[in-house]
Amino acid sequence: MAPVMVKKIFKRLAVPLDFGKKFGKEEIFGSHKTFRGLIAAVAFAMAIAFVQSLLSSLPSFREIALINYSQWPLIGLLLGLGAIGGDLVKSFFKRRLGVPPGSRFIPWDQLDFVLGSLLLGSIITDYSLTFFLTALIVSFAGHILVNHLAYFTKIRGEKW
């Protein structure tokens, strides 16, 4: 949600990551995938990783942690880049299939970011199959819930 949360600020950074270049007849990613969103995703992920590193001093948090938070800057960088990378891959395929930006693309709209994050995060941690599947299920349901809340609170213009 970081890119959506900053869409009304830092307007100078609202430059498409693909600079409007085309692959065939369609833009590579589309005008909605911007440097502002990339920077916001990485910054938010790093901030969350930092907070989790502070929480990791608590024994109860350390018991359930999957990652050594002493590497929080790397964790934030990988998870933020992974989330945006997954979204970019999905957007690339949406454009090739003629699906307009903002249109529903279930289940990929709900899973692109978590698949990208898990992929890049696997550089520094091993995930069990149970964790991987749980992350996909929780992310799918959570994404729908958060987007509906954002829609009803007028943060987003569409439910998806």
N, C-alpha and C. Protein backbone atom coordinates (compact mmCIF):
# COMPACT_ATOMS: atom_id res chain seq x y z
N MET A 1 0.81 -1.20 0.00
CA MET A 1 0.00 0.00 0.00
C MET A 1 0.85 1.27 0.00
N ALA A 2 2.15 1.16 0.20
CA ALA A 2 3.00 2.35 0.27
C ALA A 2 2.86 3.24 -0.97
N PRO A 3 2.93 2.69 -2.19
CA PRO A 3 2.78 3.57 -3.35
C PRO A 3 1.44 4.30 -3.38
N VAL A 4 0.38 3.64 -2.96
CA VAL A 4 -0.95 4.26 -2.95
C VAL A 4 -1.01 5.37 -1.91
N MET A 5 -0.36 5.15 -0.78
CA MET A 5 -0.40 6.12 0.31
C MET A 5 0.33 7.42 -0.04
N VAL A 6 1.28 7.38 -0.95
CA VAL A 6 2.05 8.59 -1.29
C VAL A 6 1.67 9.16 -2.66
N LYS A 7 0.60 8.68 -3.25
CA LYS A 7 0.29 9.08 -4.62
C LYS A 7 -0.06 10.56 -4.76
N LYS A 8 -0.41 11.21 -3.68
CA LYS A 8 -0.74 12.63 -3.77
C LYS A 8 0.42 13.55 -3.34
N ILE A 9 1.55 12.97 -3.02
CA ILE A 9 2.72 13.76 -2.64
C ILE A 9 3.91 13.36 -3.50
N PHE A 10 4.98 14.09 -3.38
CA PHE A 10 6.20 13.83 -4.16
C PHE A 10 5.89 13.70 -5.65
N LYS A 11 5.12 14.63 -6.17
CA LYS A 11 4.66 14.55 -7.56
C LYS A 11 5.80 14.55 -8.57
N ARG A 12 6.94 15.13 -8.21
CA ARG A 12 8.08 15.12 -9.13
C ARG A 12 8.61 13.71 -9.38
N LEU A 13 8.35 12.82 -8.45
CA LEU A 13 8.82 11.44 -8.59
C LEU A 13 7.80 10.54 -9.29
N ALA A 14 6.70 11.11 -9.75
CA ALA A 14 5.65 10.34 -10.41
C ALA A 14 6.02 10.07 -11.87
N VAL A 15 7.25 9.70 -12.07
CA VAL A 15 7.76 9.39 -13.41
C VAL A 15 7.66 7.88 -13.61
N PRO A 16 7.06 7.43 -14.70
CA PRO A 16 6.94 5.98 -14.93
C PRO A 16 8.31 5.30 -14.96
N LEU A 17 8.38 4.15 -14.33
CA LEU A 17 9.62 3.38 -14.31
C LEU A 17 10.06 2.98 -15.72
N ASP A 18 9.10 2.82 -16.60
CA ASP A 18 9.45 2.44 -17.98
C ASP A 18 9.63 3.66 -18.89
N PHE A 19 9.54 4.87 -18.29
CA PHE A 19 9.68 6.13 -19.03
C PHE A 19 8.73 6.20 -20.24
N GLY A 20 7.61 5.47 -20.16
CA GLY A 20 6.63 5.49 -21.25
C GLY A 20 7.02 4.66 -22.46
N LYS A 21 8.12 3.92 -22.35
CA LYS A 21 8.57 3.09 -23.48
C LYS A 21 7.60 1.94 -23.68
N LYS A 22 7.55 1.46 -24.91
CA LYS A 22 6.61 0.40 -25.26
C LYS A 22 7.34 -0.90 -25.58
N PHE A 23 6.65 -1.97 -25.32
CA PHE A 23 7.06 -3.32 -25.72
C PHE A 23 5.93 -3.78 -26.61
N GLY A 24 6.16 -3.78 -27.90
CA GLY A 24 5.07 -4.00 -28.84
C GLY A 24 4.22 -2.73 -28.88
N LYS A 25 2.91 -2.88 -28.73
CA LYS A 25 2.01 -1.73 -28.80
C LYS A 25 1.69 -1.14 -27.43
N GLU A 26 2.06 -1.84 -26.38
CA GLU A 26 1.70 -1.42 -25.02
C GLU A 26 2.93 -0.94 -24.26
N GLU A 27 2.69 -0.06 -23.28
CA GLU A 27 3.77 0.35 -22.39
C GLU A 27 4.30 -0.88 -21.67
N ILE A 28 5.57 -0.82 -21.28
CA ILE A 28 6.20 -1.98 -20.63
C ILE A 28 5.46 -2.31 -19.33
N PHE A 29 5.31 -1.31 -18.44
CA PHE A 29 4.62 -1.53 -17.17
C PHE A 29 3.35 -0.69 -17.05
N GLY A 30 3.36 0.47 -17.65
CA GLY A 30 2.25 1.40 -17.54
C GLY A 30 2.61 2.62 -16.72
N SER A 31 1.85 3.66 -16.88
CA SER A 31 2.15 4.94 -16.24
C SER A 31 1.93 4.93 -14.73
N HIS A 32 1.24 3.92 -14.21
CA HIS A 32 0.98 3.85 -12.77
C HIS A 32 2.15 3.28 -11.97
N LYS A 33 3.15 2.77 -12.62
CA LYS A 33 4.31 2.20 -11.94
C LYS A 33 5.43 3.23 -12.01
N THR A 34 5.63 3.95 -10.88
CA THR A 34 6.50 5.12 -10.88
C THR A 34 7.68 4.98 -9.93
N PHE A 35 8.63 5.90 -10.12
CA PHE A 35 9.76 5.98 -9.20
C PHE A 35 9.28 6.34 -7.80
N ARG A 36 8.23 7.15 -7.70
CA ARG A 36 7.66 7.49 -6.41
C ARG A 36 7.20 6.22 -5.68
N GLY A 37 6.51 5.35 -6.39
CA GLY A 37 6.04 4.11 -5.78
C GLY A 37 7.18 3.19 -5.38
N LEU A 38 8.20 3.10 -6.23
CA LEU A 38 9.37 2.27 -5.92
C LEU A 38 10.06 2.77 -4.66
N ILE A 39 10.32 4.07 -4.60
CA ILE A 39 11.00 4.65 -3.43
C ILE A 39 10.14 4.49 -2.18
N ALA A 40 8.84 4.73 -2.31
CA ALA A 40 7.95 4.59 -1.15
C ALA A 40 7.93 3.16 -0.65
N ALA A 41 7.85 2.19 -1.56
CA ALA A 41 7.80 0.77 -1.15
C ALA A 41 9.06 0.39 -0.39
N VAL A 42 10.20 0.78 -0.91
CA VAL A 42 11.47 0.42 -0.23
C VAL A 42 11.59 1.17 1.10
N ALA A 43 11.22 2.45 1.12
CA ALA A 43 11.32 3.23 2.36
C ALA A 43 10.39 2.66 3.44
N PHE A 44 9.15 2.34 3.07
CA PHE A 44 8.21 1.77 4.04
C PHE A 44 8.70 0.41 4.53
N ALA A 45 9.18 -0.41 3.62
CA ALA A 45 9.68 -1.74 4.01
C ALA A 45 10.87 -1.62 4.96
N MET A 46 11.75 -0.67 4.68
CA MET A 46 12.90 -0.48 5.57
C MET A 46 12.46 0.05 6.93
N ALA A 47 11.48 0.94 6.95
CA ALA A 47 10.97 1.45 8.22
C ALA A 47 10.33 0.34 9.04
N ILE A 48 9.55 -0.51 8.39
CA ILE A 48 8.92 -1.63 9.09
C ILE A 48 9.97 -2.61 9.59
N ALA A 49 10.98 -2.89 8.77
CA ALA A 49 12.06 -3.79 9.20
C ALA A 49 12.80 -3.19 10.40
N PHE A 50 12.98 -1.87 10.41
CA PHE A 50 13.64 -1.22 11.54
C PHE A 50 12.82 -1.39 12.82
N VAL A 51 11.50 -1.15 12.73
CA VAL A 51 10.63 -1.33 13.90
C VAL A 51 10.68 -2.77 14.37
N GLN A 52 10.68 -3.71 13.43
CA GLN A 52 10.77 -5.12 13.81
C GLN A 52 12.11 -5.43 14.46
N SER A 53 13.17 -4.76 14.02
CA SER A 53 14.47 -4.97 14.66
C SER A 53 14.44 -4.49 16.10
N LEU A 54 13.72 -3.39 16.36
CA LEU A 54 13.58 -2.92 17.74
C LEU A 54 12.77 -3.92 18.56
N LEU A 55 11.72 -4.44 17.96
CA LEU A 55 10.89 -5.44 18.66
C LEU A 55 11.64 -6.74 18.92
N SER A 56 12.65 -7.01 18.10
CA SER A 56 13.38 -8.27 18.25
C SER A 56 14.17 -8.34 19.55
N SER A 57 14.24 -7.23 20.28
CA SER A 57 14.87 -7.28 21.61
C SER A 57 13.94 -7.94 22.64
N LEU A 58 12.67 -8.07 22.29
CA LEU A 58 11.70 -8.73 23.17
C LEU A 58 11.77 -10.24 22.96
N PRO A 59 11.93 -11.02 24.02
CA PRO A 59 12.03 -12.48 23.86
C PRO A 59 10.84 -13.09 23.12
N SER A 60 9.63 -12.62 23.39
CA SER A 60 8.44 -13.21 22.74
C SER A 60 8.46 -12.95 21.23
N PHE A 61 8.96 -11.80 20.82
CA PHE A 61 9.06 -11.50 19.39
C PHE A 61 10.16 -12.34 18.75
N ARG A 62 11.28 -12.46 19.43
CA ARG A 62 12.41 -13.24 18.91
C ARG A 62 12.02 -14.71 18.69
N GLU A 63 11.16 -15.23 19.55
CA GLU A 63 10.74 -16.63 19.43
C GLU A 63 9.98 -16.90 18.13
N ILE A 64 9.24 -15.93 17.63
CA ILE A 64 8.44 -16.15 16.43
C ILE A 64 9.08 -15.57 15.17
N ALA A 65 10.18 -14.86 15.34
CA ALA A 65 10.84 -14.21 14.19
C ALA A 65 11.42 -15.25 13.24
N LEU A 66 11.30 -14.99 11.96
CA LEU A 66 11.84 -15.87 10.93
C LEU A 66 13.20 -15.39 10.43
N ILE A 67 13.54 -14.16 10.78
CA ILE A 67 14.71 -13.51 10.23
C ILE A 67 15.53 -12.91 11.37
N ASN A 68 16.84 -12.88 11.19
CA ASN A 68 17.71 -12.18 12.12
C ASN A 68 17.63 -10.69 11.78
N TYR A 69 17.01 -9.93 12.64
CA TYR A 69 16.77 -8.52 12.35
C TYR A 69 17.99 -7.63 12.51
N SER A 70 19.13 -8.20 12.84
CA SER A 70 20.35 -7.38 12.85
C SER A 70 20.68 -6.90 11.44
N GLN A 71 20.10 -7.55 10.45
CA GLN A 71 20.28 -7.18 9.04
C GLN A 71 19.08 -6.39 8.52
N TRP A 72 18.41 -5.62 9.38
CA TRP A 72 17.16 -4.96 8.99
C TRP A 72 17.26 -4.10 7.74
N PRO A 73 18.36 -3.38 7.48
CA PRO A 73 18.37 -2.59 6.23
C PRO A 73 18.29 -3.49 4.98
N LEU A 74 19.01 -4.60 5.01
CA LEU A 74 18.98 -5.54 3.89
C LEU A 74 17.60 -6.19 3.77
N ILE A 75 17.03 -6.54 4.90
CA ILE A 75 15.69 -7.14 4.89
C ILE A 75 14.69 -6.18 4.26
N GLY A 76 14.69 -4.93 4.71
CA GLY A 76 13.76 -3.94 4.16
C GLY A 76 13.97 -3.72 2.68
N LEU A 77 15.23 -3.63 2.28
CA LEU A 77 15.55 -3.42 0.87
C LEU A 77 15.04 -4.58 0.01
N LEU A 78 15.35 -5.80 0.42
CA LEU A 78 14.94 -6.97 -0.36
C LEU A 78 13.42 -7.13 -0.42
N LEU A 79 12.76 -6.96 0.71
CA LEU A 79 11.31 -7.14 0.72
C LEU A 79 10.61 -6.02 -0.05
N GLY A 80 11.09 -4.79 0.08
CA GLY A 80 10.49 -3.68 -0.67
C GLY A 80 10.70 -3.83 -2.17
N LEU A 81 11.93 -4.14 -2.56
CA LEU A 81 12.21 -4.36 -3.98
C LEU A 81 11.45 -5.57 -4.51
N GLY A 82 11.35 -6.61 -3.69
CA GLY A 82 10.61 -7.80 -4.11
C GLY A 82 9.14 -7.52 -4.33
N ALA A 83 8.55 -6.73 -3.44
CA ALA A 83 7.12 -6.39 -3.58
C ALA A 83 6.89 -5.62 -4.87
N ILE A 84 7.72 -4.62 -5.12
CA ILE A 84 7.56 -3.84 -6.35
C ILE A 84 7.91 -4.68 -7.57
N GLY A 85 8.94 -5.51 -7.46
CA GLY A 85 9.32 -6.38 -8.58
C GLY A 85 8.19 -7.32 -8.96
N GLY A 86 7.54 -7.91 -7.97
CA GLY A 86 6.40 -8.78 -8.25
C GLY A 86 5.27 -8.02 -8.93
N ASP A 87 5.03 -6.80 -8.47
CA ASP A 87 3.99 -5.97 -9.06
C ASP A 87 4.34 -5.60 -10.50
N LEU A 88 5.61 -5.33 -10.77
CA LEU A 88 6.03 -4.98 -12.13
C LEU A 88 5.87 -6.16 -13.09
N VAL A 89 6.21 -7.35 -12.61
CA VAL A 89 6.04 -8.54 -13.46
C VAL A 89 4.57 -8.72 -13.80
N LYS A 90 3.71 -8.59 -12.79
CA LYS A 90 2.27 -8.71 -13.04
C LYS A 90 1.80 -7.65 -14.02
N SER A 91 2.23 -6.41 -13.83
CA SER A 91 1.82 -5.32 -14.72
C SER A 91 2.28 -5.56 -16.15
N PHE A 92 3.48 -6.09 -16.30
CA PHE A 92 3.99 -6.41 -17.63
C PHE A 92 3.04 -7.38 -18.34
N PHE A 93 2.63 -8.43 -17.64
CA PHE A 93 1.74 -9.42 -18.24
C PHE A 93 0.32 -8.87 -18.44
N LYS A 94 -0.14 -8.02 -17.52
CA LYS A 94 -1.45 -7.39 -17.71
C LYS A 94 -1.47 -6.59 -19.01
N ARG A 95 -0.41 -5.81 -19.23
CA ARG A 95 -0.36 -5.00 -20.46
C ARG A 95 -0.34 -5.90 -21.69
N ARG A 96 0.38 -6.99 -21.66
CA ARG A 96 0.43 -7.91 -22.81
C ARG A 96 -0.91 -8.55 -23.07
N LEU A 97 -1.69 -8.78 -22.00
CA LEU A 97 -3.00 -9.41 -22.15
C LEU A 97 -4.11 -8.39 -22.40
N GLY A 98 -3.76 -7.11 -22.45
CA GLY A 98 -4.75 -6.07 -22.72
C GLY A 98 -5.64 -5.72 -21.54
N VAL A 99 -5.21 -6.07 -20.33
CA VAL A 99 -5.98 -5.74 -19.13
C VAL A 99 -5.63 -4.31 -18.73
N PRO A 100 -6.62 -3.41 -18.66
CA PRO A 100 -6.34 -2.00 -18.33
C PRO A 100 -5.80 -1.83 -16.90
N PRO A 101 -4.96 -0.80 -16.68
CA PRO A 101 -4.48 -0.51 -15.32
C PRO A 101 -5.64 -0.32 -14.36
N GLY A 102 -5.51 -0.87 -13.18
CA GLY A 102 -6.57 -0.74 -12.17
C GLY A 102 -7.67 -1.78 -12.28
N SER A 103 -7.70 -2.53 -13.39
CA SER A 103 -8.71 -3.57 -13.55
C SER A 103 -8.34 -4.80 -12.74
N ARG A 104 -9.34 -5.55 -12.37
CA ARG A 104 -9.11 -6.77 -11.57
C ARG A 104 -8.31 -7.79 -12.38
N PHE A 105 -7.39 -8.43 -11.66
CA PHE A 105 -6.56 -9.47 -12.27
C PHE A 105 -6.31 -10.52 -11.18
N ILE A 106 -7.40 -11.14 -10.76
CA ILE A 106 -7.39 -12.10 -9.65
C ILE A 106 -6.77 -13.41 -10.12
N PRO A 107 -5.92 -14.06 -9.38
CA PRO A 107 -5.42 -13.79 -8.03
C PRO A 107 -4.13 -12.98 -8.01
N TRP A 108 -3.64 -12.58 -9.18
CA TRP A 108 -2.31 -11.95 -9.24
C TRP A 108 -2.27 -10.60 -8.55
N ASP A 109 -3.35 -9.84 -8.56
CA ASP A 109 -3.37 -8.56 -7.85
C ASP A 109 -3.11 -8.76 -6.36
N GLN A 110 -3.54 -9.88 -5.83
CA GLN A 110 -3.42 -10.16 -4.41
C GLN A 110 -2.11 -10.86 -4.05
N LEU A 111 -1.44 -11.44 -5.03
CA LEU A 111 -0.27 -12.27 -4.72
C LEU A 111 1.05 -11.78 -5.30
N ASP A 112 1.01 -10.86 -6.25
CA ASP A 112 2.24 -10.43 -6.93
C ASP A 112 3.29 -9.92 -5.96
N PHE A 113 2.90 -9.05 -5.05
CA PHE A 113 3.85 -8.42 -4.14
C PHE A 113 4.44 -9.43 -3.15
N VAL A 114 3.61 -10.35 -2.66
CA VAL A 114 4.12 -11.32 -1.68
C VAL A 114 5.02 -12.35 -2.37
N LEU A 115 4.68 -12.74 -3.58
CA LEU A 115 5.56 -13.67 -4.30
C LEU A 115 6.93 -13.03 -4.57
N GLY A 116 6.92 -11.76 -4.98
CA GLY A 116 8.18 -11.05 -5.21
C GLY A 116 8.98 -10.91 -3.93
N SER A 117 8.31 -10.55 -2.84
CA SER A 117 9.01 -10.40 -1.56
C SER A 117 9.57 -11.72 -1.06
N LEU A 118 8.78 -12.78 -1.17
CA LEU A 118 9.27 -14.08 -0.73
C LEU A 118 10.46 -14.54 -1.58
N LEU A 119 10.39 -14.26 -2.86
CA LEU A 119 11.50 -14.65 -3.74
C LEU A 119 12.79 -13.92 -3.34
N LEU A 120 12.74 -12.61 -3.23
CA LEU A 120 13.96 -11.89 -2.86
C LEU A 120 14.35 -12.14 -1.40
N GLY A 121 13.36 -12.28 -0.54
CA GLY A 121 13.65 -12.57 0.86
C GLY A 121 14.33 -13.91 1.06
N SER A 122 14.12 -14.83 0.12
CA SER A 122 14.74 -16.15 0.24
C SER A 122 16.27 -16.08 0.10
N ILE A 123 16.78 -14.92 -0.31
CA ILE A 123 18.23 -14.74 -0.36
C ILE A 123 18.83 -14.80 1.04
N ILE A 124 18.07 -14.33 2.03
CA ILE A 124 18.61 -14.27 3.39
C ILE A 124 17.93 -15.20 4.39
N THR A 125 16.86 -15.89 3.98
CA THR A 125 16.21 -16.82 4.90
C THR A 125 15.57 -17.95 4.11
N ASP A 126 15.42 -19.08 4.77
CA ASP A 126 14.74 -20.23 4.17
C ASP A 126 13.32 -20.28 4.71
N TYR A 127 12.36 -20.41 3.82
CA TYR A 127 10.96 -20.51 4.23
C TYR A 127 10.52 -21.96 4.17
N SER A 128 9.75 -22.35 5.17
CA SER A 128 9.14 -23.67 5.11
C SER A 128 7.97 -23.61 4.13
N LEU A 129 7.58 -24.75 3.63
CA LEU A 129 6.42 -24.81 2.74
C LEU A 129 5.17 -24.31 3.46
N THR A 130 5.05 -24.65 4.75
CA THR A 130 3.90 -24.19 5.53
C THR A 130 3.88 -22.67 5.61
N PHE A 131 5.04 -22.06 5.87
CA PHE A 131 5.10 -20.60 5.93
C PHE A 131 4.75 -19.99 4.58
N PHE A 132 5.31 -20.54 3.52
CA PHE A 132 5.09 -20.02 2.17
C PHE A 132 3.60 -20.04 1.83
N LEU A 133 2.95 -21.17 2.06
CA LEU A 133 1.52 -21.29 1.75
C LEU A 133 0.67 -20.39 2.65
N THR A 134 1.04 -20.31 3.93
CA THR A 134 0.32 -19.44 4.86
C THR A 134 0.44 -17.98 4.42
N ALA A 135 1.64 -17.57 4.01
CA ALA A 135 1.85 -16.20 3.54
C ALA A 135 0.98 -15.90 2.33
N LEU A 136 0.87 -16.85 1.42
CA LEU A 136 0.03 -16.64 0.24
C LEU A 136 -1.45 -16.51 0.62
N ILE A 137 -1.92 -17.37 1.49
CA ILE A 137 -3.34 -17.35 1.88
C ILE A 137 -3.67 -16.07 2.66
N VAL A 138 -2.84 -15.75 3.64
CA VAL A 138 -3.08 -14.55 4.45
C VAL A 138 -2.97 -13.30 3.58
N SER A 139 -2.00 -13.27 2.68
CA SER A 139 -1.84 -12.10 1.81
C SER A 139 -3.02 -11.94 0.87
N PHE A 140 -3.51 -13.04 0.32
CA PHE A 140 -4.66 -12.97 -0.57
C PHE A 140 -5.86 -12.35 0.15
N ALA A 141 -6.20 -12.90 1.31
CA ALA A 141 -7.35 -12.39 2.07
C ALA A 141 -7.08 -10.99 2.59
N GLY A 142 -5.89 -10.77 3.12
CA GLY A 142 -5.54 -9.46 3.68
C GLY A 142 -5.54 -8.36 2.63
N HIS A 143 -5.08 -8.67 1.44
CA HIS A 143 -5.05 -7.68 0.36
C HIS A 143 -6.46 -7.22 0.02
N ILE A 144 -7.37 -8.16 -0.07
CA ILE A 144 -8.76 -7.81 -0.38
C ILE A 144 -9.34 -6.94 0.74
N LEU A 145 -9.11 -7.33 1.99
CA LEU A 145 -9.63 -6.58 3.13
C LEU A 145 -9.06 -5.17 3.17
N VAL A 146 -7.75 -5.03 3.05
CA VAL A 146 -7.11 -3.72 3.13
C VAL A 146 -7.56 -2.82 1.98
N ASN A 147 -7.66 -3.38 0.78
CA ASN A 147 -8.10 -2.56 -0.35
C ASN A 147 -9.55 -2.12 -0.21
N HIS A 148 -10.40 -2.97 0.33
CA HIS A 148 -11.79 -2.56 0.56
C HIS A 148 -11.84 -1.45 1.61
N LEU A 149 -11.05 -1.58 2.67
CA LEU A 149 -11.00 -0.53 3.69
C LEU A 149 -10.48 0.78 3.09
N ALA A 150 -9.45 0.69 2.26
CA ALA A 150 -8.91 1.88 1.61
C ALA A 150 -9.94 2.52 0.68
N TYR A 151 -10.72 1.71 0.03
CA TYR A 151 -11.77 2.22 -0.86
C TYR A 151 -12.85 2.95 -0.06
N PHE A 152 -13.31 2.33 1.02
CA PHE A 152 -14.38 2.93 1.80
C PHE A 152 -13.92 4.15 2.59
N THR A 153 -12.62 4.27 2.85
CA THR A 153 -12.08 5.45 3.52
C THR A 153 -11.58 6.49 2.52
N LYS A 154 -11.80 6.21 1.23
CA LYS A 154 -11.47 7.13 0.14
C LYS A 154 -9.96 7.30 -0.10
N ILE A 155 -9.15 6.36 0.37
CA ILE A 155 -7.72 6.38 0.08
C ILE A 155 -7.50 5.88 -1.35
N ARG A 156 -8.33 4.92 -1.76
CA ARG A 156 -8.25 4.36 -3.12
C ARG A 156 -9.53 4.65 -3.86
N GLY A 157 -9.42 4.70 -5.19
CA GLY A 157 -10.60 4.94 -6.02
C GLY A 157 -11.29 3.67 -6.46
N GLU A 158 -10.64 2.51 -6.28
CA GLU A 158 -11.25 1.23 -6.65
C GLU A 158 -11.00 0.21 -5.54
N LYS A 159 -11.85 -0.80 -5.48
CA LYS A 159 -11.76 -1.79 -4.40
C LYS A 159 -10.59 -2.74 -4.58
N TRP A 160 -10.01 -2.81 -5.77
CA TRP A 160 -8.97 -3.79 -6.02
C TRP A 160 -7.63 -3.12 -6.14
